[in-house]
PDB file of N, CA and C in Angstrom:
ATOM      1  N   ALA A   1       0.560  -1.078   0.073  1.00  0.00           N
ATOM      2  CA  ALA A   1      -0.300   0.088   0.136  1.00  0.00           C
ATOM      3  C   ALA A   1       0.837   1.383   0.096  1.00  0.00           C
ATOM      4  N   LEU A   2       2.139   0.879   0.411  1.00  0.00           N
ATOM      5  CA  LEU A   2       3.222   2.772   0.603  1.00  0.00           C
ATOM      6  C   LEU A   2       3.987   2.643  -0.461  1.00  0.00           C
ATOM      7  N   LEU A   3       3.902   1.960  -1.928  1.00  0.00           N
ATOM      8  CA  LEU A   3       4.408   1.799  -2.833  1.00  0.00           C
ATOM      9  C   LEU A   3       2.974   2.417  -3.589  1.00  0.00           C
ATOM     10  N   GLN A   4       2.483   2.127  -3.359  1.00  0.00           N
ATOM     11  CA  GLN A   4       1.297   2.526  -4.050  1.00  0.00           C
ATOM     12  C   GLN A   4       0.956   3.831  -3.574  1.00  0.00           C
ATOM     13  N   PHE A   5       1.052   4.083  -2.397  1.00  0.00           N
ATOM     14  CA  PHE A   5       1.049   6.125  -1.971  1.00  0.00           C
ATOM     15  C   PHE A   5       1.785   6.503  -2.715  1.00  0.00           C
ATOM     16  N   ARG A   6       3.494   6.075  -3.300  1.00  0.00           N
ATOM     17  CA  ARG A   6       4.619   6.706  -2.958  1.00  0.00           C
ATOM     18  C   ARG A   6       4.045   6.931  -4.468  1.00  0.00           C
ATOM     19  N   SER A   7       3.477   6.259  -5.502  1.00  0.00           N
ATOM     20  CA  SER A   7       4.023   6.690  -6.444  1.00  0.00           C
ATOM     21  C   SER A   7       2.214   6.939  -7.187  1.00  0.00           C
ATOM     22  N   SER A   8       1.750   7.942  -5.693  1.00  0.00           N
ATOM     23  CA  SER A   8       0.290   9.260  -6.652  1.00  0.00           C
ATOM     24  C   SER A   8       1.411  10.503  -5.985  1.00  0.00           C
ATOM     25  N   PHE A   9       2.566  10.328  -6.375  1.00  0.00           N
ATOM     26  CA  PHE A   9       2.970  11.415  -6.037  1.00  0.00           C
ATOM     27  C   PHE A   9       4.170  11.906  -6.420  1.00  0.00           C
ATOM     28  N   SER A  10       5.197  12.886  -6.418  1.00  0.00           N
ATOM     29  CA  SER A  10       6.499  12.834  -7.058  1.00  0.00           C
ATOM     30  C   SER A  10       7.209  13.848  -6.467  1.00  0.00           C
ATOM     31  N   THR A  11       8.664  13.388  -5.991  1.00  0.00           N
ATOM     32  CA  THR A  11       9.539  14.447  -5.288  1.00  0.00           C
ATOM     33  C   THR A  11       9.950  15.486  -6.521  1.00  0.00           C
ATOM     34  N   LEU A  12      10.848  16.354  -5.557  1.00  0.00           N
ATOM     35  CA  LEU A  12      11.194  17.456  -6.210  1.00  0.00           C
ATOM     36  C   LEU A  12      12.765  16.573  -7.055  1.00  0.00           C
ATOM     37  N   PRO A  13      13.600  17.351  -8.131  1.00  0.00           N
ATOM     38  CA  PRO A  13      14.444  16.532  -8.731  1.00  0.00           C
ATOM     39  C   PRO A  13      15.724  17.064  -7.438  1.00  0.00           C
ATOM     40  N   SER A  14      16.183  15.767  -7.573  1.00  0.00           N
ATOM     41  CA  SER A  14      17.714  16.032  -6.778  1.00  0.00           C
ATOM     42  C   SER A  14      18.546  17.332  -6.911  1.00  0.00           C
ATOM     43  N   THR A  15      17.798  18.073  -7.957  1.00  0.00           N
ATOM     44  CA  THR A  15      18.822  19.534  -7.695  1.00  0.00           C
ATOM     45  C   THR A  15      18.908  20.131  -7.132  1.00  0.00           C
ATOM     46  N   TYR A  16      17.296  19.925  -6.713  1.00  0.00           N
ATOM     47  CA  TYR A  16      16.806  20.581  -5.245  1.00  0.00           C
ATOM     48  C   TYR A  16      17.573  19.994  -3.907  1.00  0.00           C
ATOM     49  N   LEU A  17      17.661  18.879  -4.154  1.00  0.00           N
ATOM     50  CA  LEU A  17      18.454  19.009  -2.684  1.00  0.00           C
ATOM     51  C   LEU A  17      19.263  19.742  -2.019  1.00  0.00           C
ATOM     52  N   GLY A  18      19.895  20.293  -0.697  1.00  0.00           N
ATOM     53  CA  GLY A  18      20.640  21.424  -0.481  1.00  0.00           C
ATOM     54  C   GLY A  18      19.959  22.366   0.194  1.00  0.00           C
ATOM     55  N   PHE A  19      18.478  22.722  -0.936  1.00  0.00           N
ATOM     56  CA  PHE A  19      17.423  23.825  -0.864  1.00  0.00           C
ATOM     57  C   PHE A  19      16.844  23.580   0.735  1.00  0.00           C
ATOM     58  N   GLN A  20      16.542  24.233   1.113  1.00  0.00           N
ATOM     59  CA  GLN A  20      15.941  24.604   3.181  1.00  0.00           C
ATOM     60  C   GLN A  20      14.677  24.801   3.031  1.00  0.00           C
ATOM     61  N   CYS A  21      13.499  23.835   3.541  1.00  0.00           N
ATOM     62  CA  CYS A  21      12.254  24.243   3.277  1.00  0.00           C
ATOM     63  C   CYS A  21      11.998  24.878   5.156  1.00  0.00           C
ATOM     64  N   ASP A  22      10.758  24.948   4.691  1.00  0.00           N
ATOM     65  CA  ASP A  22      10.321  25.649   6.480  1.00  0.00           C
ATOM     66  C   ASP A  22      11.727  25.195   7.289  1.00  0.00           C
ATOM     67  N   GLY A  23      11.530  26.055   8.303  1.00  0.00           N
ATOM     68  CA  GLY A  23      12.456  25.350   9.370  1.00  0.00           C
ATOM     69  C   GLY A  23      14.350  25.376   9.248  1.00  0.00           C
ATOM     70  N   GLY A  24      15.025  25.649   7.805  1.00  0.00           N
ATOM     71  CA  GLY A  24      15.803  25.708   7.967  1.00  0.00           C
ATOM     72  C   GLY A  24      16.367  23.890   7.280  1.00  0.00           C
ATOM     73  N   GLU A  25      15.470  23.319   8.046  1.00  0.00           N
ATOM     74  CA  GLU A  25      15.487  21.487   7.541  1.00  0.00           C
ATOM     75  C   GLU A  25      16.056  21.390   6.528  1.00  0.00           C
ATOM     76  N   PRO A  26      16.886  20.631   5.452  1.00  0.00           N
ATOM     77  CA  PRO A  26      17.222  20.405   4.332  1.00  0.00           C
ATOM     78  C   PRO A  26      16.099  19.254   3.428  1.00  0.00           C
ATOM     79  N   TYR A  27      15.999  20.007   2.428  1.00  0.00           N
ATOM     80  CA  TYR A  27      14.556  18.379   1.515  1.00  0.00           C
ATOM     81  C   TYR A  27      15.226  17.423   1.869  1.00  0.00           C
ATOM     82  N   HIS A  28      14.692  16.204   1.745  1.00  0.00           N
ATOM     83  CA  HIS A  28      15.139  14.594   2.399  1.00  0.00           C
ATOM     84  C   HIS A  28      14.903  13.570   0.808  1.00  0.00           C
ATOM     85  N   GLN A  29      15.254  12.741   0.927  1.00  0.00           N
ATOM     86  CA  GLN A  29      14.579  12.304   0.023  1.00  0.00           C
ATOM     87  C   GLN A  29      15.141  10.801   0.475  1.00  0.00           C
ATOM     88  N   LYS A  30      13.500  10.639   1.748  1.00  0.00           N
ATOM     89  CA  LYS A  30      12.448   9.603   2.375  1.00  0.00           C
ATOM     90  C   LYS A  30      12.830   8.620   1.640  1.00  0.00           C
ATOM     91  N   THR A  31      11.839   8.627   0.437  1.00  0.00           N
ATOM     92  CA  THR A  31      11.152   8.292  -0.046  1.00  0.00           C
ATOM     93  C   THR A  31      12.034   6.902  -0.947  1.00  0.00           C
ATOM     94  N   ALA A  32      13.230   7.435  -1.194  1.00  0.00           N
ATOM     95  CA  ALA A  32      14.091   6.551  -2.001  1.00  0.00           C
ATOM     96  C   ALA A  32      14.486   5.480  -1.408  1.00  0.00           C
ATOM     97  N   THR A  33      13.966   5.280   0.130  1.00  0.00           N
ATOM     98  CA  THR A  33      14.414   4.005   0.837  1.00  0.00           C
ATOM     99  C   THR A  33      13.372   3.139   1.051  1.00  0.00           C
ATOM    100  N   TRP A  34      11.934   3.734  -0.455  1.00  0.00           N
ATOM    101  CA  TRP A  34      10.612   2.799  -0.574  1.00  0.00           C
ATOM    102  C   TRP A  34      11.157   1.835  -1.226  1.00  0.00           C
ATOM    103  N   LYS A  35      11.724   0.340  -0.881  1.00  0.00           N
ATOM    104  CA  LYS A  35      11.527  -0.829  -1.761  1.00  0.00           C
ATOM    105  C   LYS A  35      11.391  -1.608  -2.050  1.00  0.00           C
ATOM    106  N   ASN A  36      10.498  -1.841  -3.263  1.00  0.00           N
ATOM    107  CA  ASN A  36       9.510  -3.198  -2.796  1.00  0.00           C
ATOM    108  C   ASN A  36      10.862  -5.128  -2.699  1.00  0.00           C
ATOM    109  N   GLY A  37      10.191  -5.600  -1.607  1.00  0.00           N
ATOM    110  CA  GLY A  37      10.618  -6.895  -1.491  1.00  0.00           C
ATOM    111  C   GLY A  37      11.801  -6.450  -0.002  1.00  0.00           C
ATOM    112  N   THR A  38      11.859  -5.027   0.072  1.00  0.00           N
ATOM    113  CA  THR A  38      11.934  -5.239   1.732  1.00  0.00           C
ATOM    114  C   THR A  38      11.040  -4.923   2.691  1.00  0.00           C
ATOM    115  N   ASP A  39      11.195  -4.586   4.185  1.00  0.00           N
ATOM    116  CA  ASP A  39      10.644  -4.456   5.120  1.00  0.00           C
ATOM    117  C   ASP A  39      10.263  -3.121   5.063  1.00  0.00           C
ATOM    118  N   CYS A  40       9.090  -2.750   5.099  1.00  0.00           N
ATOM    119  CA  CYS A  40       8.958  -1.482   5.006  1.00  0.00           C
ATOM    120  C   CYS A  40       8.772  -0.855   6.591  1.00  0.00           C
ATOM    121  N   CYS A  41       8.911  -1.300   7.851  1.00  0.00           N
ATOM    122  CA  CYS A  41       9.682  -1.139   8.895  1.00  0.00           C
ATOM    123  C   CYS A  41      10.939  -0.813   8.799  1.00  0.00           C
ATOM    124  N   SER A  42      12.113  -1.029   7.737  1.00  0.00           N
ATOM    125  CA  SER A  42      13.131  -0.395   8.084  1.00  0.00           C
ATOM    126  C   SER A  42      13.317   0.734   7.014  1.00  0.00           C
ATOM    127  N   TRP A  43      12.384   1.641   6.703  1.00  0.00           N
ATOM    128  CA  TRP A  43      12.090   2.784   5.740  1.00  0.00           C
ATOM    129  C   TRP A  43      12.470   4.515   5.884  1.00  0.00           C
ATOM    130  N   HIS A  44      13.459   4.996   5.198  1.00  0.00           N
ATOM    131  CA  HIS A  44      13.607   6.161   6.042  1.00  0.00           C
ATOM    132  C   HIS A  44      11.323   6.953   6.449  1.00  0.00           C
ATOM    133  N   GLY A  45      11.667   7.052   7.060  1.00  0.00           N
ATOM    134  CA  GLY A  45       9.926   7.770   7.759  1.00  0.00           C
ATOM    135  C   GLY A  45       8.377   7.603   7.977  1.00  0.00           C
ATOM    136  N   VAL A  46       8.959   6.082   7.851  1.00  0.00           N
ATOM    137  CA  VAL A  46       7.962   4.764   8.180  1.00  0.00           C
ATOM    138  C   VAL A  46       8.509   4.371   9.838  1.00  0.00           C
ATOM    139  N   THR A  47       7.277   5.045  10.420  1.00  0.00           N
ATOM    140  CA  THR A  47       7.205   4.136  11.736  1.00  0.00           C
ATOM    141  C   THR A  47       6.402   3.301  12.244  1.00  0.00           C
ATOM    142  N   CYS A  48       6.486   2.093  12.267  1.00  0.00           N
ATOM    143  CA  CYS A  48       5.916   0.687  12.646  1.00  0.00           C
ATOM    144  C   CYS A  48       5.684   0.827  14.483  1.00  0.00           C
ATOM    145  N   ASP A  49       4.620  -0.571  14.887  1.00  0.00           N
ATOM    146  CA  ASP A  49       4.575  -1.084  15.858  1.00  0.00           C
ATOM    147  C   ASP A  49       5.652  -1.733  16.555  1.00  0.00           C
ATOM    148  N   THR A  50       6.480  -1.382  17.639  1.00  0.00           N
ATOM    149  CA  THR A  50       7.387  -2.933  17.624  1.00  0.00           C
ATOM    150  C   THR A  50       6.626  -4.519  17.545  1.00  0.00           C
ATOM    151  N   ILE A  51       5.428  -4.081  17.867  1.00  0.00           N
ATOM    152  CA  ILE A  51       5.075  -5.402  18.508  1.00  0.00           C
ATOM    153  C   ILE A  51       4.300  -6.216  17.473  1.00  0.00           C
ATOM    154  N   SER A  52       3.635  -5.006  16.588  1.00  0.00           N
ATOM    155  CA  SER A  52       2.425  -5.890  16.073  1.00  0.00           C
ATOM    156  C   SER A  52       3.175  -5.401  14.195  1.00  0.00           C
ATOM    157  N   GLY A  53       4.158  -4.593  14.931  1.00  0.00           N
ATOM    158  CA  GLY A  53       4.461  -5.268  13.053  1.00  0.00           C
ATOM    159  C   GLY A  53       4.131  -3.965  11.559  1.00  0.00           C
ATOM    160  N   HIS A  54       2.894  -3.682  12.775  1.00  0.00           N
ATOM    161  CA  HIS A  54       1.838  -2.702  11.713  1.00  0.00           C
ATOM    162  C   HIS A  54       2.356  -1.046  11.407  1.00  0.00           C
ATOM    163  N   VAL A  55       1.629  -0.299  10.141  1.00  0.00           N
ATOM    164  CA  VAL A  55       2.648   0.550  10.264  1.00  0.00           C
ATOM    165  C   VAL A  55       2.046   1.353  10.964  1.00  0.00           C
ATOM    166  N   ILE A  56       2.375   2.504  12.416  1.00  0.00           N
ATOM    167  CA  ILE A  56       1.488   3.861  12.787  1.00  0.00           C
ATOM    168  C   ILE A  56       2.378   5.110  12.678  1.00  0.00           C
ATOM    169  N   GLY A  57       2.520   5.112  11.758  1.00  0.00           N
ATOM    170  CA  GLY A  57       3.470   6.973  11.367  1.00  0.00           C
ATOM    171  C   GLY A  57       3.931   7.294  10.155  1.00  0.00           C
ATOM    172  N   LEU A  58       3.721   7.736   9.528  1.00  0.00           N
ATOM    173  CA  LEU A  58       4.661   8.141   8.555  1.00  0.00           C
ATOM    174  C   LEU A  58       5.411   9.808   8.974  1.00  0.00           C
ATOM    175  N   ASN A  59       6.370   9.739   8.491  1.00  0.00           N
ATOM    176  CA  ASN A  59       6.526  11.204   8.482  1.00  0.00           C
ATOM    177  C   ASN A  59       7.348  11.709   7.329  1.00  0.00           C
ATOM    178  N   LEU A  60       6.651  12.624   6.290  1.00  0.00           N
ATOM    179  CA  LEU A  60       7.542  13.021   5.028  1.00  0.00           C
ATOM    180  C   LEU A  60       7.138  14.392   5.040  1.00  0.00           C
ATOM    181  N   GLY A  61       7.395  15.249   6.339  1.00  0.00           N
ATOM    182  CA  GLY A  61       8.207  16.176   6.598  1.00  0.00           C
ATOM    183  C   GLY A  61       9.024  17.024   5.625  1.00  0.00           C
ATOM    184  N   CYS A  62       9.318  17.577   5.301  1.00  0.00           N
ATOM    185  CA  CYS A  62      10.606  18.551   4.186  1.00  0.00           C
ATOM    186  C   CYS A  62      11.313  16.961   3.579  1.00  0.00           C
ATOM    187  N   GLU A  63      10.009  16.536   2.387  1.00  0.00           N
ATOM    188  CA  GLU A  63      10.255  15.413   2.082  1.00  0.00           C
ATOM    189  C   GLU A  63      10.303  15.874   0.242  1.00  0.00           C
ATOM    190  N   GLY A  64       9.914  17.497  -0.265  1.00  0.00           N
ATOM    191  CA  GLY A  64       9.177  18.154  -1.457  1.00  0.00           C
ATOM    192  C   GLY A  64       8.571  16.668  -2.458  1.00  0.00           C
ATOM    193  N   ILE A  65       7.668  16.415  -1.338  1.00  0.00           N
ATOM    194  CA  ILE A  65       6.864  15.687  -2.871  1.00  0.00           C
ATOM    195  C   ILE A  65       5.367  17.085  -3.637  1.00  0.00           C
ATOM    196  N   GLN A  66       4.612  16.256  -4.485  1.00  0.00           N
ATOM    197  CA  GLN A  66       4.660  16.913  -5.309  1.00  0.00           C
ATOM    198  C   GLN A  66       3.064  16.742  -5.174  1.00  0.00           C
TER     199      GLN A  66
END
């Protein structure tokens, strides 16, 4: 479901890396770690419950998504 969600938006080009978003935080590319066949709980920006393994949070702030 997260991979399908990611395919619904685009990220700023890598030339934007180094620019800063609100609060002075640099743009990231967290979703670049989202790969099919890997544990989504290890992906940047994804928080999972340690007992159930279910996704309980997403942090896509300063991701540069459109």
